[in-house]
């Protein structure tokens, strides 16, 4: 990415501060970016859920500073067991999102910094964590950006493929977890079953019943919360295969008012492509534009409408 930051972006960088958030799994470490003082405040904080907070060529870093220039605060943090945060590192299970981490962050930012309204931005596993927060904190969330996440019943993320599993067979740390942790063994079995089920279902007829019951619970919570949402996928993303089912069978059943709150965008090519810098720049630009449209100020709304 282009890191020749503008003076305004650098000002947001210099204003950032590290925070330690207590959680059930240990302290979570994150970076808070305050909104630019020269623009109208949005009264909302954008939570950027990328694991860890600096991955994907520091896309979350760039996003934090850009939305801060639009009057939004931002907070990017590492889930427990990742990056700088405390806690045990476990297999990433899509149906076991880091809801407790996110709930802890939302409540801590409220008590410590007075942030009580949030926009959640999540990529893949981060998107599944983001939507899960609507179960416990529906009134605190104004918007959700849900980027390229699988929503079928397969319990493990796409990193659990044959090639990676073969590599992990030579990793002593992985073996120690399997030997001494019953939870790790159960997750490993679930991951293997998910890989087998996914390979068997490839190309078959799927229906709404194939979607994850956990996702469906969280999706119903999103509907009740009355927040706005953006669902963004690439037509060639593997993750789009499951979302296509929801697009075909689930969204058409929504009432008109709910459907108006939800935007679905399917781009040509891939969105779930961490090595494609040009595509990431497009994602950043679209994300900032969408977040900007949530600003309660009339000028912000007017600008967003004109740009779209």
Protein backbone atom coordinates (compact mmCIF):
# COMPACT_ATOMS: atom_id res chain seq x y z
CA UNK A 1 0.00 0.00 0.00
CA UNK A 2 0.96 3.62 -0.39
CA UNK A 3 2.29 4.71 3.02
CA UNK A 4 3.13 8.28 2.06
CA UNK A 5 0.60 9.51 4.56
CA UNK A 6 -0.92 12.96 4.39
CA UNK A 7 -0.36 15.45 7.23
CA UNK A 8 -3.90 14.72 8.41
CA UNK A 9 -3.25 10.96 8.52
CA UNK A 10 0.02 11.53 10.36
CA UNK A 11 -1.80 13.71 12.89
CA UNK A 12 -4.18 10.82 13.59
CA UNK A 13 -1.20 8.47 13.94
CA UNK A 14 0.51 10.75 16.46
CA UNK A 15 -2.73 10.99 18.46
CA UNK A 16 -3.10 7.21 18.82
CA UNK A 17 -2.64 5.45 22.13
CA UNK A 18 -2.31 1.83 23.17
CA UNK A 19 -4.99 0.34 25.42
CA UNK A 20 -5.13 -2.76 27.57
CA UNK A 21 -8.63 -4.27 27.77
CA UNK A 22 -9.41 -6.85 30.47
CA UNK A 23 -11.24 -9.89 29.11
CA UNK A 24 -12.15 -13.40 30.33
CA UNK A 25 -9.14 -14.76 28.41
CA UNK A 26 -6.56 -12.22 29.59
CA UNK A 27 -5.68 -8.67 28.62
CA UNK A 28 -6.38 -7.67 25.02
CA UNK A 29 -4.01 -5.16 23.43
CA UNK A 30 -5.25 -2.58 20.97
CA UNK A 31 -4.71 0.87 19.51
CA UNK A 32 -7.25 3.68 19.87
CA UNK A 33 -7.37 6.38 17.20
CA UNK A 34 -9.33 9.49 18.27
CA UNK A 35 -11.38 11.37 15.68
CA UNK A 36 -9.87 14.40 14.02
CA UNK A 37 -10.83 17.48 16.06
CA UNK A 38 -11.29 19.67 13.00
CA UNK A 39 -14.27 17.72 11.62
CA UNK A 40 -17.78 17.17 12.96
CA UNK A 41 -17.75 14.24 15.41
CA UNK A 42 -19.76 11.19 14.41
CA UNK A 43 -20.19 10.02 18.00
CA UNK A 44 -19.23 6.49 16.93
CA UNK A 45 -16.18 4.25 17.17
CA UNK A 46 -15.21 1.87 14.37
CA UNK A 47 -13.95 -1.48 15.65
CA UNK A 48 -11.59 -3.05 13.11
CA UNK A 49 -11.49 -6.82 13.49
CA UNK A 50 -8.46 -8.12 11.60
CA UNK A 51 -6.31 -10.81 13.18
CA UNK A 52 -3.86 -9.52 14.23
CA UNK A 53 -4.57 -5.82 14.14
CA UNK A 54 -1.74 -5.03 11.68
CA UNK A 55 -2.18 -7.85 9.15
CA UNK A 56 -3.18 -7.62 5.47
CA UNK A 57 -0.40 -5.11 4.76
CA UNK A 58 -1.58 -2.95 7.68
CA UNK A 59 -4.99 -2.39 6.10
CA UNK A 60 -6.61 -1.95 9.53
CA UNK A 61 -4.00 0.69 10.41
CA UNK A 62 -4.80 2.64 7.26
CA UNK A 63 -8.55 2.29 7.80
CA UNK A 64 -8.34 3.53 11.38
CA UNK A 65 -6.60 6.73 10.39
CA UNK A 66 -8.85 7.37 7.40
CA UNK A 67 -12.15 6.96 9.27
CA UNK A 68 -10.74 9.13 12.07
CA UNK A 69 -10.42 11.92 9.50
CA UNK A 70 -14.17 11.53 8.91
CA UNK A 71 -15.00 12.18 12.57
CA UNK A 72 -15.10 8.57 13.80
CA UNK A 73 -12.95 7.13 16.53
CA UNK A 74 -11.38 3.76 15.73
CA UNK A 75 -10.04 0.82 17.70
CA UNK A 76 -8.07 -2.11 16.34
CA UNK A 77 -7.07 -4.94 18.64
CA UNK A 78 -5.75 -8.49 18.70
CA UNK A 79 -8.09 -11.31 19.65
CA UNK A 80 -6.92 -13.36 22.63
CA UNK A 81 -4.08 -15.70 21.79
CA UNK A 82 -3.04 -13.61 18.78
CA UNK A 83 -0.58 -10.79 18.27
CA UNK A 84 0.17 -8.96 21.51
CA UNK A 85 -2.93 -10.08 23.43
CA UNK A 86 -2.84 -12.63 26.21
CA UNK A 87 -4.58 -15.99 26.18
CA UNK A 88 -4.13 -19.40 24.63
CA UNK A 89 -3.89 -19.67 20.85
CA UNK A 90 -6.45 -22.16 19.55
CA UNK A 91 -7.68 -23.40 16.20
CA UNK A 92 -9.84 -20.79 14.50
CA UNK A 93 -13.38 -22.14 14.52
CA UNK A 94 -15.84 -20.02 12.58
CA UNK A 95 -18.75 -21.20 14.71
CA UNK A 96 -16.82 -20.21 17.86
CA UNK A 97 -16.20 -16.51 17.22
CA UNK A 98 -14.38 -14.32 19.72
CA UNK A 99 -17.63 -12.83 21.04
CA UNK A 100 -16.33 -12.46 24.60
CA UNK A 101 -13.36 -10.46 23.34
CA UNK A 102 -15.55 -8.12 21.37
CA UNK A 103 -18.06 -7.68 24.20
CA UNK A 104 -15.21 -6.87 26.58
CA UNK A 105 -13.88 -4.24 24.16
CA UNK A 106 -17.29 -2.61 23.64
CA UNK A 107 -17.92 -2.35 27.38
CA UNK A 108 -14.41 -1.19 28.24
CA UNK A 109 -14.41 1.57 25.62
CA UNK A 110 -17.74 2.71 27.03
CA UNK A 111 -16.55 2.90 30.61
CA UNK A 112 -13.01 4.13 29.93
CA UNK A 113 -13.45 6.48 26.96
CA UNK A 114 -17.17 7.21 26.77
CA UNK A 115 -17.62 5.38 23.45
CA UNK A 116 -21.15 3.99 23.39
CA UNK A 117 -21.99 3.64 19.68
CA UNK A 118 -20.00 1.39 17.38
CA UNK A 119 -19.51 0.39 13.77
CA UNK A 120 -18.05 -3.09 13.35
CA UNK A 121 -15.77 -3.91 10.42
CA UNK A 122 -14.78 -7.56 10.07
CA UNK A 123 -12.94 -9.66 7.51
CA UNK A 124 -13.53 -13.46 7.34
CA UNK A 125 -13.30 -14.73 10.94
CA UNK A 126 -13.45 -11.12 12.10
CA UNK A 127 -16.78 -10.71 10.29
CA UNK A 128 -18.21 -13.74 12.08
CA UNK A 129 -17.01 -12.28 15.39
CA UNK A 130 -18.53 -8.91 14.50
CA UNK A 131 -22.01 -10.22 13.73
CA UNK A 132 -21.98 -12.33 16.91
CA UNK A 133 -21.81 -9.14 19.00
CA UNK A 134 -25.43 -8.35 18.13
CA UNK A 135 -26.57 -11.06 20.54
CA UNK A 136 -25.21 -9.29 23.64
CA UNK A 137 -24.78 -5.65 22.54
CA UNK A 138 -27.47 -4.91 19.92
CA UNK A 139 -28.21 -1.38 21.08
CA UNK A 140 -24.56 -0.34 20.94
CA UNK A 141 -24.00 -1.17 17.26
CA UNK A 142 -25.01 1.19 14.47
CA UNK A 143 -23.46 -0.64 11.53
CA UNK A 144 -21.74 -3.81 10.39
CA UNK A 145 -19.31 -4.27 7.47
CA UNK A 146 -19.22 -8.04 6.85
CA UNK A 147 -16.43 -8.92 4.41
CA UNK A 148 -15.99 -12.28 2.72
CA UNK A 149 -16.76 -14.73 5.52
CA UNK A 150 -17.99 -18.33 5.14
CA UNK A 151 -21.42 -18.82 6.66
CA UNK A 152 -21.98 -22.53 6.09
CA UNK A 153 -21.83 -25.18 8.79
CA UNK A 154 -18.15 -26.02 8.19
CA UNK A 155 -16.60 -25.36 11.61
CA UNK A 156 -13.10 -24.28 10.58
CA UNK A 157 -11.75 -21.46 8.45
CA UNK A 158 -10.13 -22.05 5.08
CA UNK A 159 -6.63 -22.19 6.54
CA UNK A 160 -7.39 -25.77 7.60
CA UNK A 161 -6.66 -27.37 4.27
CA UNK A 162 -4.68 -30.48 3.40
CA UNK A 163 -1.44 -28.61 2.75
CA UNK A 164 -1.49 -26.76 6.06
CA UNK A 165 -2.51 -29.83 8.02
CA UNK A 166 0.42 -31.73 6.54
CA UNK A 167 2.76 -28.92 7.60
CA UNK A 168 1.36 -28.89 11.13
CA UNK A 169 2.15 -32.58 11.51
CA UNK A 170 5.81 -31.55 11.92
CA UNK A 171 5.02 -28.79 14.43
CA UNK A 172 5.80 -29.85 18.01
CA UNK A 173 3.56 -27.16 19.50
CA UNK A 174 0.55 -28.49 17.62
CA UNK A 175 1.28 -32.03 18.82
CA UNK A 176 1.57 -30.90 22.44
CA UNK A 177 -1.83 -29.21 22.20
CA UNK A 178 -3.38 -32.37 20.76
CA UNK A 179 -1.84 -34.54 23.47
CA UNK A 180 -2.60 -32.36 26.50
CA UNK A 181 -5.72 -30.43 25.49
CA UNK A 182 -9.03 -32.22 25.03
CA UNK A 183 -10.48 -29.04 23.57
CA UNK A 184 -7.71 -28.90 20.95
CA UNK A 185 -8.43 -32.52 20.00
CA UNK A 186 -12.13 -31.84 19.62
CA UNK A 187 -11.45 -28.81 17.46
CA UNK A 188 -8.99 -30.75 15.30
CA UNK A 189 -11.59 -33.45 14.71
CA UNK A 190 -14.22 -30.80 13.90
CA UNK A 191 -11.83 -29.15 11.45
CA UNK A 192 -11.17 -32.45 9.70
CA UNK A 193 -14.87 -33.24 9.49
CA UNK A 194 -15.52 -29.78 8.10
CA UNK A 195 -12.90 -30.25 5.39
CA UNK A 196 -14.43 -33.59 4.40
CA UNK A 197 -17.97 -32.22 4.41
CA UNK A 198 -16.94 -29.20 2.36
CA UNK A 199 -15.22 -31.36 -0.26
CA UNK A 200 -18.24 -33.69 -0.50
CA UNK A 201 -20.71 -30.81 -0.87
CA UNK A 202 -18.70 -29.01 -3.52
CA UNK A 203 -20.84 -28.68 -6.61
CA UNK A 204 -23.92 -30.14 -4.93
CA UNK A 205 -27.31 -28.57 -4.38
CA UNK A 206 -27.38 -26.53 -1.19
CA UNK A 207 -30.18 -24.78 0.63
CA UNK A 208 -30.72 -22.49 3.59
CA UNK A 209 -30.53 -25.59 5.82
CA UNK A 210 -26.82 -25.88 4.98
CA UNK A 211 -26.05 -22.51 6.58
CA UNK A 212 -24.47 -22.49 10.02
CA UNK A 213 -27.06 -22.47 12.84
CA UNK A 214 -24.65 -20.23 14.76
CA UNK A 215 -24.56 -17.72 11.91
CA UNK A 216 -28.36 -17.86 11.63
CA UNK A 217 -28.72 -17.02 15.33
CA UNK A 218 -26.40 -14.05 14.92
CA UNK A 219 -28.10 -12.95 11.70
CA UNK A 220 -31.48 -12.90 13.45
CA UNK A 221 -29.94 -10.77 16.19
CA UNK A 222 -28.67 -8.35 13.51
CA UNK A 223 -32.18 -8.08 12.08
CA UNK A 224 -33.66 -7.27 15.49
CA UNK A 225 -30.96 -4.66 16.19
CA UNK A 226 -32.04 -2.47 13.27
CA UNK A 227 -28.45 -1.62 12.38
CA UNK A 228 -27.26 -1.03 8.84
CA UNK A 229 -25.02 -3.62 7.21
CA UNK A 230 -22.77 -4.02 4.19
CA UNK A 231 -22.02 -7.54 2.92
CA UNK A 232 -19.05 -7.54 0.54
CA UNK A 233 -17.77 -10.57 -1.39
CA UNK A 234 -15.82 -11.38 -4.53
CA UNK A 235 -17.52 -13.55 -7.14
CA UNK A 236 -14.47 -15.84 -7.17
CA UNK A 237 -14.08 -16.06 -3.37
CA UNK A 238 -14.44 -19.57 -2.00
CA UNK A 239 -16.34 -17.93 0.84
CA UNK A 240 -18.97 -16.62 -1.58
CA UNK A 241 -20.25 -20.15 -2.24
CA UNK A 242 -22.01 -20.25 1.13
CA UNK A 243 -23.11 -16.61 1.04
CA UNK A 244 -24.70 -17.19 -2.37
CA UNK A 245 -27.16 -19.50 -0.62
CA UNK A 246 -28.17 -16.73 1.79
CA UNK A 247 -28.37 -14.26 -1.07
CA UNK A 248 -30.74 -16.59 -2.94
CA UNK A 249 -32.82 -18.08 -0.10
CA UNK A 250 -32.48 -15.89 2.99
CA UNK A 251 -32.41 -12.22 2.04
CA UNK A 252 -35.51 -12.31 -0.21
CA UNK A 253 -37.57 -13.36 2.84
CA UNK A 254 -36.72 -10.20 4.76
CA UNK A 255 -39.34 -7.49 5.11
CA UNK A 256 -38.89 -4.37 3.01
CA UNK A 257 -37.69 -2.14 5.84
CA UNK A 258 -35.03 -4.64 6.90
CA UNK A 259 -33.87 -5.25 3.35
CA UNK A 260 -33.33 -1.53 2.86
CA UNK A 261 -30.84 -1.50 5.73
CA UNK A 262 -28.71 -4.19 4.12
CA UNK A 263 -26.42 -3.65 1.16
CA UNK A 264 -24.98 -6.62 -0.75
CA UNK A 265 -22.04 -6.09 -3.10
CA UNK A 266 -20.42 -8.85 -5.12
CA UNK A 267 -17.34 -7.64 -6.95
CA UNK A 268 -15.72 -9.33 -9.93
CA UNK A 269 -12.70 -11.43 -8.99
CA UNK A 270 -11.67 -11.89 -5.36
CA UNK A 271 -12.17 -9.83 -2.22
CA UNK A 272 -10.66 -12.47 0.07
CA UNK A 273 -7.16 -11.98 -1.35
CA UNK A 274 -4.59 -10.72 1.18
CA UNK A 275 -1.81 -10.62 -1.44
CA UNK A 276 -3.66 -8.38 -3.91
CA UNK A 277 -2.63 -4.87 -2.87
CA UNK A 278 -4.68 -3.08 -5.53
CA UNK A 279 -7.84 -4.90 -4.45
CA UNK A 280 -7.11 -4.07 -0.81
CA UNK A 281 -6.89 -0.40 -1.72
CA UNK A 282 -10.32 -0.70 -3.34
CA UNK A 283 -11.68 -2.37 -0.19
CA UNK A 284 -10.26 0.40 1.98
CA UNK A 285 -11.83 3.09 -0.21
CA UNK A 286 -15.23 1.37 -0.21
CA UNK A 287 -15.09 0.75 3.53
CA UNK A 288 -14.34 4.41 4.27
CA UNK A 289 -17.13 5.52 1.93
CA UNK A 290 -19.62 3.22 3.64
CA UNK A 291 -18.56 4.22 7.16
CA UNK A 292 -18.82 7.86 6.12
CA UNK A 293 -22.45 7.29 5.11
CA UNK A 294 -23.25 6.42 8.75
CA UNK A 295 -22.18 9.86 9.99
CA UNK A 296 -25.24 11.52 11.57
CA UNK A 297 -24.28 14.98 10.29
CA UNK A 298 -26.28 16.15 7.23
CA UNK A 299 -23.15 17.22 5.36
CA UNK A 300 -21.64 13.77 5.79
CA UNK A 301 -24.77 12.09 4.48
CA UNK A 302 -24.91 14.50 1.57
CA UNK A 303 -21.28 13.81 0.67
CA UNK A 304 -21.80 10.07 0.80
CA UNK A 305 -24.86 10.22 -1.43
CA UNK A 306 -23.07 12.40 -3.97
CA UNK A 307 -20.11 10.02 -4.13
CA UNK A 308 -22.25 6.96 -4.70
